[in-house]
Amino acid sequence: MTLAPQPTDASPYQSYVYAYPHKTAYGPLPDRPALTTLWAAEPKDALSLYLHVPFCEVRCGFCNLFTRIGAPDGLTTAYLDALERQATTVRAALGDSAGVRFATAAFGGGTPTFLTAAELTRLCDIAEHRMGADLRAVPLSVEASPATATADRLTVLADRGATRLSLGVQSFVDTEARAAVRPQRRADVEAALARIRDAAIPVLNIDLIYGIDGQTDATWLHSLDAALAWHPEELYLYPLYVRPLTGLDRRRPGPDPAWDEQRLRLYRLGRDHLLAHGYVQHSMRMFRRADAPPEGPDDHACQTDGMIGLGCGARSYTAALHYSFDYAVGMHEIRAIIDDYVARPAAGFAHAEYGRRMTPDEARRRHLLQSLLQAEGLAVADYRARFGTDPAEDFGAELNRFAARGWLEPDSTRRLRLTAEGLAHSDAIGPQLFSPAVRAAMAAYESK
């Protein structure tokens, strides 16, 4: 299972590994397996439910998510109609209702709050009445933008049981927001935050980005302090990436060591600032207030199997297969995929079409990756119980390489845990654990 050696001078910002394998490693599934077959033998007593809404009012310059700008008249209704047809088909494929239970739920995108209050009500109805998820009894996380976090939408979400609202702010400095091609005014952001607090959703998360053109230590601290003024239960600090086919794609060709150093410096500054203000680091990106209410699984929950994704940008996980619809970043291709999705009859959702088979080797890599990149690390006993081997047997060369760089804590017999510097280099560590097959598939993927 040993990978080829990686260059030691590579950028610390290679790839954000939030799920493995990445969707660019997925491909058409020639056999188009039936969902009834895929889910027949899967445990279904603690499933995760994800509903994807592929619409935004504007596309940020750094965004490579599956989303389109705006929606012509009738498209959101047609999309919800298709989502309901898909939910009906998927729920039937899961089988006996007595053994099906959802333990978590999330609405993402895109921007779920692009939908009107009435449409959000329907989205919740689909999750509850078609899928059988009790939204008021499980953690429910919803993503929003300042412009769409309106009082009527927030009232719907709070009434239906939302426990976490994640607001994409990125910067409280207007010039930095414009530089990231995210046109917004701080006054509008502050008004949205006030509405969210008034809605009394238990957990507020604020997303911020570092590495924006023109950003300095002082302006970064200014944004952090502006966010801290709202006492958010969570803060996510994201390094800026410039990815193909995004609005910023043409601005930074080739490697940029100075930019890498800027991002590392700002990361450390932000990390230390939050730790000094009573936050606990859970990953390179995630910081949680020490006295925040418990919220269920953290951001590595996607490492578990049993994920049901609904919507044309969602992915689903069984033990043997990860699957989704086709993936694109370009506007023309995204629109074509959405048009195909909304035109499908219920029977068109009964099979998996794009995905990647999960071999025992890939399952090991996924477990190691998603656990190691969390601050609490990987319990060796848990890995041994699940796979019958030790991580050092399966990934000795890679772990030794990380240790030599000072990225692993010395005592790793019971728990593999990254050092503070290891966490800072999470986006370099993750890609080094990709399998050769996944690397080859990602390299062969043609951006569209």
Protein backbone atom coordinates (compact mmCIF):
# COMPACT_ATOMS: atom_id res chain seq x y z
CA MET A 1 0.00 0.00 0.00
CA THR A 2 3.03 2.30 -0.11
CA LEU A 3 2.84 5.36 -2.35
CA ALA A 4 5.64 6.82 -4.37
CA PRO A 5 7.72 9.39 -2.44
CA GLN A 6 6.36 12.91 -2.50
CA PRO A 7 8.47 16.02 -3.07
CA THR A 8 9.46 17.56 0.25
CA ASP A 9 9.34 21.11 -1.06
CA ALA A 10 5.77 20.90 -2.34
CA SER A 11 3.29 23.64 -1.50
CA PRO A 12 1.49 23.21 1.81
CA TYR A 13 -1.68 24.03 -0.12
CA GLN A 14 -2.24 21.16 -2.52
CA SER A 15 -5.82 20.07 -1.89
CA TYR A 16 -8.58 20.39 0.70
CA VAL A 17 -9.45 16.76 1.48
CA TYR A 18 -12.99 16.92 2.87
CA ALA A 19 -14.03 13.64 1.25
CA TYR A 20 -12.12 10.74 -0.25
CA PRO A 21 -12.05 9.84 -3.06
CA HIS A 22 -12.76 13.23 -4.63
CA LYS A 23 -15.57 13.45 -7.20
CA THR A 24 -13.01 14.04 -9.95
CA ALA A 25 -11.99 10.40 -9.39
CA TYR A 26 -15.54 9.22 -10.08
CA GLY A 27 -16.46 7.84 -13.47
CA PRO A 28 -19.44 6.39 -15.35
CA LEU A 29 -20.66 3.09 -13.89
CA PRO A 30 -21.26 0.80 -16.88
CA ASP A 31 -23.46 -1.60 -14.90
CA ARG A 32 -25.62 1.19 -13.42
CA PRO A 33 -26.31 -0.77 -10.21
CA ALA A 34 -29.82 -0.53 -8.78
CA LEU A 35 -30.11 1.35 -5.50
CA THR A 36 -32.16 -1.50 -4.06
CA THR A 37 -29.15 -3.78 -4.57
CA LEU A 38 -26.60 -1.26 -3.30
CA TRP A 39 -28.46 -0.63 -0.05
CA ALA A 40 -29.85 -4.12 0.61
CA ALA A 41 -27.15 -5.26 3.04
CA GLU A 42 -26.14 -1.83 4.39
CA PRO A 43 -26.82 -0.83 8.02
CA LYS A 44 -29.57 1.77 7.89
CA ASP A 45 -30.17 2.62 11.54
CA ALA A 46 -27.92 5.74 11.63
CA LEU A 47 -27.92 7.27 8.15
CA SER A 48 -26.84 10.78 7.21
CA LEU A 49 -29.11 12.79 4.91
CA TYR A 50 -27.84 15.57 2.65
CA LEU A 51 -30.05 17.71 0.39
CA HIS A 52 -28.26 19.77 -2.25
CA VAL A 53 -29.61 23.05 -3.65
CA PRO A 54 -27.49 24.11 -6.67
CA PHE A 55 -28.37 27.81 -6.81
CA CYS A 56 -26.59 30.99 -5.67
CA GLU A 57 -27.37 34.67 -6.12
CA VAL A 58 -23.73 35.22 -7.20
CA ARG A 59 -20.75 32.94 -7.79
CA CYS A 60 -17.72 33.83 -5.69
CA GLY A 61 -14.38 34.04 -7.46
CA PHE A 62 -12.91 31.11 -5.52
CA CYS A 63 -15.92 28.80 -5.80
CA ASN A 64 -15.69 25.50 -7.69
CA LEU A 65 -18.81 23.99 -6.17
CA PHE A 66 -21.62 22.58 -8.26
CA THR A 67 -23.86 25.63 -8.44
CA ARG A 68 -25.42 28.00 -10.96
CA ILE A 69 -26.10 31.70 -10.68
CA GLY A 70 -29.77 32.48 -10.35
CA ALA A 71 -32.70 30.44 -11.57
CA PRO A 72 -35.09 31.26 -14.42
CA ASP A 73 -38.79 31.39 -13.58
CA GLY A 74 -40.03 27.98 -12.58
CA LEU A 75 -36.64 26.30 -12.23
CA THR A 76 -36.59 26.12 -8.43
CA THR A 77 -40.08 24.60 -8.46
CA ALA A 78 -39.03 22.10 -11.13
CA TYR A 79 -35.91 21.28 -9.11
CA LEU A 80 -37.92 20.63 -5.95
CA ASP A 81 -40.34 18.50 -7.99
CA ALA A 82 -37.38 16.40 -9.17
CA LEU A 83 -35.93 16.28 -5.66
CA GLU A 84 -39.26 14.92 -4.40
CA ARG A 85 -39.32 12.28 -7.16
CA GLN A 86 -35.76 11.29 -6.31
CA ALA A 87 -36.53 11.14 -2.58
CA THR A 88 -39.54 8.91 -3.20
CA THR A 89 -37.47 6.52 -5.31
CA VAL A 90 -34.50 6.45 -2.94
CA ARG A 91 -36.68 5.95 0.12
CA ALA A 92 -38.36 2.98 -1.55
CA ALA A 93 -34.93 1.53 -2.37
CA LEU A 94 -33.96 1.61 1.31
CA GLY A 95 -36.65 -0.94 2.09
CA ASP A 96 -38.37 -1.67 5.40
CA SER A 97 -39.20 1.61 7.10
CA ALA A 98 -38.86 0.09 10.58
CA GLY A 99 -35.12 -0.31 10.16
CA VAL A 100 -34.38 3.06 8.54
CA ARG A 101 -33.34 5.95 10.76
CA PHE A 102 -31.53 9.20 10.01
CA ALA A 103 -29.06 10.40 12.64
CA THR A 104 -27.99 13.69 10.99
CA ALA A 105 -29.22 15.99 8.24
CA ALA A 106 -27.77 18.88 6.26
CA PHE A 107 -28.84 21.27 3.52
CA GLY A 108 -25.98 22.50 1.34
CA GLY A 109 -25.21 23.82 -2.07
CA GLY A 110 -24.99 26.22 -3.66
CA THR A 111 -26.97 28.22 -1.17
CA PRO A 112 -30.04 26.46 0.29
CA THR A 113 -31.40 29.81 1.46
CA PHE A 114 -31.55 30.92 -2.17
CA LEU A 115 -34.94 29.21 -1.93
CA THR A 116 -37.84 31.28 -0.65
CA ALA A 117 -39.34 30.61 2.77
CA ALA A 118 -42.14 28.62 1.16
CA GLU A 119 -39.64 26.60 -0.87
CA LEU A 120 -37.53 25.93 2.23
CA THR A 121 -40.68 24.62 3.90
CA ARG A 122 -41.13 22.25 0.99
CA LEU A 123 -37.47 21.20 1.20
CA CYS A 124 -38.01 20.28 4.86
CA ASP A 125 -41.20 18.44 3.95
CA ILE A 126 -39.29 16.34 1.42
CA ALA A 127 -36.71 15.42 4.05
CA GLU A 128 -39.38 14.55 6.59
CA HIS A 129 -42.34 13.17 4.66
CA ARG A 130 -40.57 11.53 1.73
CA MET A 131 -37.35 10.38 3.43
CA GLY A 132 -38.63 9.92 6.97
CA ALA A 133 -36.05 12.12 8.70
CA ASP A 134 -37.21 13.71 11.95
CA LEU A 135 -35.51 17.07 11.53
CA ARG A 136 -36.42 18.27 15.02
CA ALA A 137 -34.80 15.23 16.62
CA VAL A 138 -31.40 15.21 14.87
CA PRO A 139 -28.64 17.76 14.21
CA LEU A 140 -29.62 19.79 11.12
CA SER A 141 -27.00 22.04 9.55
CA VAL A 142 -27.87 24.61 6.88
CA GLU A 143 -25.59 26.83 4.76
CA ALA A 144 -26.54 30.42 4.04
CA SER A 145 -25.22 33.67 2.60
CA PRO A 146 -25.69 37.14 4.11
CA ALA A 147 -28.04 38.26 1.35
CA THR A 148 -30.34 35.25 1.69
CA ALA A 149 -30.36 34.93 5.50
CA THR A 150 -33.66 36.78 5.72
CA ALA A 151 -35.94 36.72 8.73
CA ASP A 152 -38.69 34.68 7.05
CA ARG A 153 -36.26 32.01 5.82
CA LEU A 154 -34.55 31.79 9.21
CA THR A 155 -37.92 31.43 10.93
CA VAL A 156 -38.73 28.42 8.76
CA LEU A 157 -35.38 26.79 9.50
CA ALA A 158 -35.59 27.46 13.25
CA ASP A 159 -39.16 26.15 13.42
CA ARG A 160 -38.18 22.99 11.53
CA GLY A 161 -35.33 22.17 13.88
CA ALA A 162 -32.16 23.66 12.42
CA THR A 163 -29.43 23.36 15.02
CA ARG A 164 -26.58 24.95 13.03
CA LEU A 165 -26.48 27.83 10.54
CA SER A 166 -23.25 28.32 8.60
CA LEU A 167 -22.77 31.78 7.11
CA GLY A 168 -20.26 32.34 4.34
CA VAL A 169 -18.75 35.73 5.20
CA GLN A 170 -15.11 35.24 4.05
CA SER A 171 -14.07 38.78 5.02
CA PHE A 172 -15.49 41.72 6.97
CA VAL A 173 -13.35 44.07 4.85
CA ASP A 174 -15.30 45.22 1.82
CA THR A 175 -12.25 45.61 -0.43
CA GLU A 176 -11.16 42.04 0.36
CA ALA A 177 -14.64 40.73 -0.39
CA ARG A 178 -14.46 42.41 -3.78
CA ALA A 179 -10.97 41.00 -4.38
CA ALA A 180 -12.39 37.51 -3.77
CA VAL A 181 -15.21 38.34 -6.24
CA ARG A 182 -17.76 38.22 -3.44
CA PRO A 183 -19.54 41.57 -3.68
CA GLN A 184 -21.03 42.36 -0.28
CA ARG A 185 -21.00 45.17 2.28
CA ARG A 186 -20.02 44.65 5.89
CA ALA A 187 -23.20 46.41 6.98
CA ASP A 188 -25.26 43.75 5.20
CA VAL A 189 -23.18 40.97 6.79
CA GLU A 190 -23.71 42.43 10.26
CA ALA A 191 -27.46 42.74 9.64
CA ALA A 192 -27.60 39.08 8.58
CA LEU A 193 -25.72 38.01 11.70
CA ALA A 194 -28.18 39.96 13.85
CA ARG A 195 -31.09 38.17 12.18
CA ILE A 196 -29.46 34.78 12.73
CA ARG A 197 -28.95 35.49 16.43
CA ASP A 198 -32.56 36.69 16.69
CA ALA A 199 -33.70 33.38 15.18
CA ALA A 200 -32.04 31.58 18.13
CA ILE A 201 -30.54 28.74 16.07
CA PRO A 202 -28.22 27.11 18.63
CA VAL A 203 -24.98 27.04 16.63
CA LEU A 204 -23.71 29.84 14.43
CA ASN A 205 -20.72 29.12 12.21
CA ILE A 206 -18.88 31.87 10.35
CA ASP A 207 -16.61 31.04 7.40
CA LEU A 208 -13.58 33.26 6.84
CA ILE A 209 -10.87 33.09 4.15
CA TYR A 210 -7.18 34.02 4.39
CA GLY A 211 -4.78 34.64 1.52
CA ILE A 212 -6.95 37.16 -0.33
CA ASP A 213 -5.14 39.73 -2.48
CA GLY A 214 -4.35 42.79 -0.38
CA GLN A 215 -5.03 41.05 2.94
CA THR A 216 -2.59 41.89 5.74
CA ASP A 217 -2.05 40.65 9.27
CA ALA A 218 -3.99 43.67 10.52
CA THR A 219 -6.98 43.21 8.20
CA TRP A 220 -7.09 39.48 8.96
CA LEU A 221 -7.21 40.19 12.69
CA HIS A 222 -9.86 42.82 11.97
CA SER A 223 -12.09 40.19 10.33
CA LEU A 224 -11.45 37.70 13.12
CA ASP A 225 -12.38 40.25 15.78
CA ALA A 226 -15.49 41.29 13.84
CA ALA A 227 -16.56 37.65 13.78
CA LEU A 228 -15.70 37.11 17.45
CA ALA A 229 -17.95 40.03 18.39
CA TRP A 230 -20.89 37.76 17.55
CA HIS A 231 -19.58 34.95 19.81
CA PRO A 232 -20.04 32.29 17.12
CA GLU A 233 -20.06 28.73 18.38
CA GLU A 234 -17.90 27.74 15.42
CA LEU A 235 -15.46 29.40 13.05
CA TYR A 236 -14.01 27.87 9.91
CA LEU A 237 -10.79 29.41 8.59
CA TYR A 238 -10.20 28.51 4.94
CA PRO A 239 -7.07 29.18 2.90
CA LEU A 240 -7.89 30.76 -0.45
CA TYR A 241 -7.48 28.39 -3.38
CA VAL A 242 -7.50 29.36 -7.05
CA ARG A 243 -9.00 26.47 -8.97
CA PRO A 244 -9.64 25.84 -12.68
CA LEU A 245 -12.71 27.46 -14.26
CA THR A 246 -13.35 29.75 -11.29
CA GLY A 247 -13.50 33.52 -11.37
CA LEU A 248 -9.98 33.87 -9.95
CA ASP A 249 -8.48 31.20 -12.19
CA ARG A 250 -6.54 33.58 -14.43
CA ARG A 251 -5.02 35.64 -11.64
CA ARG A 252 -2.32 33.38 -10.22
CA PRO A 253 -0.58 31.06 -12.71
CA GLY A 254 1.94 28.51 -11.42
CA PRO A 255 3.50 27.97 -7.98
CA ASP A 256 3.72 31.01 -5.71
CA PRO A 257 5.99 30.45 -2.66
CA ALA A 258 5.33 33.98 -1.38
CA TRP A 259 1.59 33.33 -1.38
CA ASP A 260 2.14 30.01 0.41
CA GLU A 261 4.12 31.81 3.09
CA GLN A 262 1.44 34.48 3.42
CA ARG A 263 -1.27 31.87 3.91
CA LEU A 264 0.78 29.91 6.45
CA ARG A 265 1.49 33.09 8.39
CA LEU A 266 -2.15 34.15 8.41
CA TYR A 267 -3.26 30.65 9.36
CA ARG A 268 -0.97 30.61 12.40
CA LEU A 269 -2.05 34.11 13.35
CA GLY A 270 -5.71 33.17 13.13
CA ARG A 271 -5.22 29.88 14.96
CA ASP A 272 -3.42 31.49 17.85
CA HIS A 273 -5.94 34.33 18.03
CA LEU A 274 -8.88 31.93 18.32
CA LEU A 275 -7.13 29.69 20.84
CA ALA A 276 -6.47 32.77 22.97
CA HIS A 277 -10.18 33.62 22.82
CA GLY A 278 -11.40 30.30 24.19
CA TYR A 279 -11.82 28.27 21.01
CA VAL A 280 -10.71 24.65 20.60
CA GLN A 281 -9.12 23.53 17.33
CA HIS A 282 -10.80 20.47 15.82
CA SER A 283 -9.02 20.47 12.46
CA MET A 284 -6.90 22.76 10.33
CA ARG A 285 -10.07 24.65 9.46
CA MET A 286 -12.54 24.14 12.29
CA PHE A 287 -12.51 25.96 15.64
CA ARG A 288 -15.25 25.55 18.22
CA ARG A 289 -15.99 27.65 21.26
CA ALA A 290 -15.09 25.65 24.35
CA ASP A 291 -18.47 26.33 25.98
CA ALA A 292 -20.56 25.76 22.85
CA PRO A 293 -23.49 23.33 23.11
CA PRO A 294 -22.84 19.80 21.82
CA GLU A 295 -23.67 19.51 18.15
CA GLY A 296 -23.13 15.88 17.16
CA PRO A 297 -20.63 14.70 14.54
CA ASP A 298 -17.87 17.09 13.53
CA ASP A 299 -16.81 17.88 9.99
CA HIS A 300 -15.20 14.46 9.47
CA ALA A 301 -18.55 12.65 9.80
CA CYS A 302 -18.45 12.04 6.04
CA GLN A 303 -15.89 9.34 6.69
CA THR A 304 -18.69 7.02 7.76
CA ASP A 305 -20.72 4.99 5.31
CA GLY A 306 -24.47 5.39 5.13
CA MET A 307 -24.70 8.79 3.45
CA ILE A 308 -27.82 9.52 1.39
CA GLY A 309 -27.37 12.50 -0.92
CA LEU A 310 -30.34 13.99 -2.78
CA GLY A 311 -29.98 16.57 -5.53
CA CYS A 312 -27.80 16.71 -8.61
CA GLY A 313 -24.69 17.90 -6.75
CA ALA A 314 -24.90 15.44 -3.85
CA ARG A 315 -22.93 12.27 -3.32
CA SER A 316 -23.98 9.08 -1.53
CA TYR A 317 -21.83 6.52 0.27
CA THR A 318 -22.25 2.81 0.82
CA ALA A 319 -19.44 0.59 2.07
CA ALA A 320 -18.74 -0.65 -1.46
CA LEU A 321 -19.56 2.35 -3.67
CA HIS A 322 -19.51 6.14 -3.59
CA TYR A 323 -21.83 7.58 -6.22
CA SER A 324 -23.36 10.80 -7.49
CA PHE A 325 -24.43 12.51 -10.68
CA ASP A 326 -21.91 13.93 -13.14
CA TYR A 327 -19.68 16.74 -11.85
CA ALA A 328 -18.79 20.03 -13.48
CA VAL A 329 -17.55 23.52 -12.61
CA GLY A 330 -18.26 25.43 -15.83
CA MET A 331 -21.61 27.21 -16.03
CA HIS A 332 -22.73 25.67 -19.32
CA GLU A 333 -22.06 22.12 -18.16
CA ILE A 334 -23.68 22.69 -14.76
CA ARG A 335 -26.82 23.98 -16.39
CA ALA A 336 -26.98 20.95 -18.66
CA ILE A 337 -26.68 18.59 -15.67
CA ILE A 338 -29.40 20.47 -13.78
CA ASP A 339 -31.66 20.41 -16.85
CA ASP A 340 -31.17 16.65 -17.13
CA TYR A 341 -31.94 16.23 -13.43
CA VAL A 342 -35.21 18.18 -13.44
CA ALA A 343 -36.43 16.33 -16.55
CA ARG A 344 -36.05 12.85 -15.04
CA PRO A 345 -39.03 10.71 -14.12
CA ALA A 346 -38.99 8.91 -10.78
CA ALA A 347 -37.58 5.76 -12.40
CA GLY A 348 -34.58 7.79 -13.58
CA PHE A 349 -33.31 7.95 -10.00
CA ALA A 350 -33.34 4.20 -9.33
CA HIS A 351 -29.74 3.52 -10.39
CA ALA A 352 -26.24 4.81 -9.59
CA GLU A 353 -24.66 6.31 -12.71
CA TYR A 354 -21.34 7.92 -11.67
CA GLY A 355 -19.12 6.79 -8.86
CA ARG A 356 -16.13 4.88 -7.60
CA ARG A 357 -15.90 1.40 -6.13
CA MET A 358 -14.39 1.25 -2.65
CA THR A 359 -11.76 -1.48 -2.36
CA PRO A 360 -10.43 -2.59 1.06
CA ASP A 361 -7.30 -0.52 0.37
CA GLU A 362 -9.35 2.60 -0.39
CA ALA A 363 -11.44 2.06 2.74
CA ARG A 364 -8.25 1.99 4.83
CA ARG A 365 -6.95 5.14 3.18
CA ARG A 366 -10.23 6.94 3.71
CA HIS A 367 -10.39 6.05 7.38
CA LEU A 368 -6.79 7.09 7.96
CA LEU A 369 -7.16 10.30 5.98
CA GLN A 370 -10.36 11.53 7.53
CA SER A 371 -9.24 10.66 11.06
CA LEU A 372 -5.64 11.85 10.87
CA LEU A 373 -6.66 15.29 9.59
CA GLN A 374 -8.68 15.87 12.77
CA ALA A 375 -6.95 17.31 15.82
CA GLU A 376 -7.95 14.30 17.94
CA GLY A 377 -6.25 11.97 15.44
CA LEU A 378 -6.78 8.27 14.83
CA ALA A 379 -7.20 5.67 17.57
CA VAL A 380 -4.96 2.76 16.54
CA ALA A 381 -7.19 0.25 18.36
CA ASP A 382 -10.23 1.39 16.36
CA TYR A 383 -8.34 1.02 13.10
CA ARG A 384 -7.12 -2.44 14.13
CA ALA A 385 -10.63 -3.53 15.12
CA ARG A 386 -12.06 -2.38 11.80
CA PHE A 387 -9.37 -3.61 9.43
CA GLY A 388 -7.39 -6.26 11.31
CA THR A 389 -4.06 -4.48 10.78
CA ASP A 390 -2.17 -1.53 12.23
CA PRO A 391 -1.81 1.75 10.35
CA ALA A 392 1.98 1.35 10.54
CA GLU A 393 1.72 -1.96 8.66
CA ASP A 394 -0.38 -0.47 5.90
CA PHE A 395 1.11 3.03 5.62
CA GLY A 396 4.51 2.78 7.28
CA ALA A 397 6.44 4.69 4.62
CA GLU A 398 4.00 7.58 4.58
CA LEU A 399 3.76 7.83 8.37
CA ASN A 400 7.55 7.71 8.71
CA ARG A 401 7.82 10.50 6.17
CA PHE A 402 5.33 12.63 8.13
CA ALA A 403 7.19 11.91 11.37
CA ALA A 404 10.49 12.93 9.79
CA ARG A 405 8.96 16.28 8.88
CA GLY A 406 7.79 16.82 12.47
CA TRP A 407 4.16 16.44 11.46
CA LEU A 408 3.32 13.49 13.74
CA GLU A 409 3.48 13.40 17.51
CA PRO A 410 6.24 11.02 18.66
CA ASP A 411 4.10 8.56 20.67
CA SER A 412 1.91 6.96 18.01
CA THR A 413 1.38 3.47 19.46
CA ARG A 414 -2.13 4.24 20.73
CA ARG A 415 -3.15 7.28 18.72
CA LEU A 416 -1.85 8.84 15.54
CA ARG A 417 -2.10 12.58 16.02
CA LEU A 418 -0.71 15.45 14.00
CA THR A 419 1.47 18.05 15.67
CA ALA A 420 0.49 21.70 15.46
CA GLU A 421 2.74 22.01 12.42
CA GLY A 422 1.24 18.85 10.97
CA LEU A 423 -2.25 20.33 11.23
CA ALA A 424 -0.95 23.45 9.50
CA HIS A 425 0.16 21.22 6.60
CA SER A 426 -3.05 19.16 6.40
CA ASP A 427 -3.58 20.13 2.77
CA ALA A 428 -0.18 18.65 1.90
CA ILE A 429 -0.57 15.54 4.07
CA GLY A 430 -3.95 14.50 2.70
CA PRO A 431 -2.95 14.18 -0.98
CA GLN A 432 0.07 12.07 -0.04
CA LEU A 433 -2.33 9.38 1.16
CA PHE A 434 -4.27 9.16 -2.11
CA SER A 435 -3.93 5.80 -3.83
CA PRO A 436 -2.14 5.61 -7.20
CA ALA A 437 -5.44 4.64 -8.82
CA VAL A 438 -7.27 7.67 -7.42
CA ARG A 439 -4.42 9.95 -8.41
CA ALA A 440 -4.51 8.59 -11.93
CA ALA A 441 -8.29 9.06 -12.18
CA MET A 442 -8.05 12.64 -10.89
CA ALA A 443 -5.22 13.41 -13.29
CA ALA A 444 -7.26 12.05 -16.20
CA TYR A 445 -10.31 14.11 -15.29
CA GLU A 446 -10.95 16.89 -17.77
CA SER A 447 -12.30 20.03 -16.12
CA LYS A 448 -15.65 21.02 -17.58
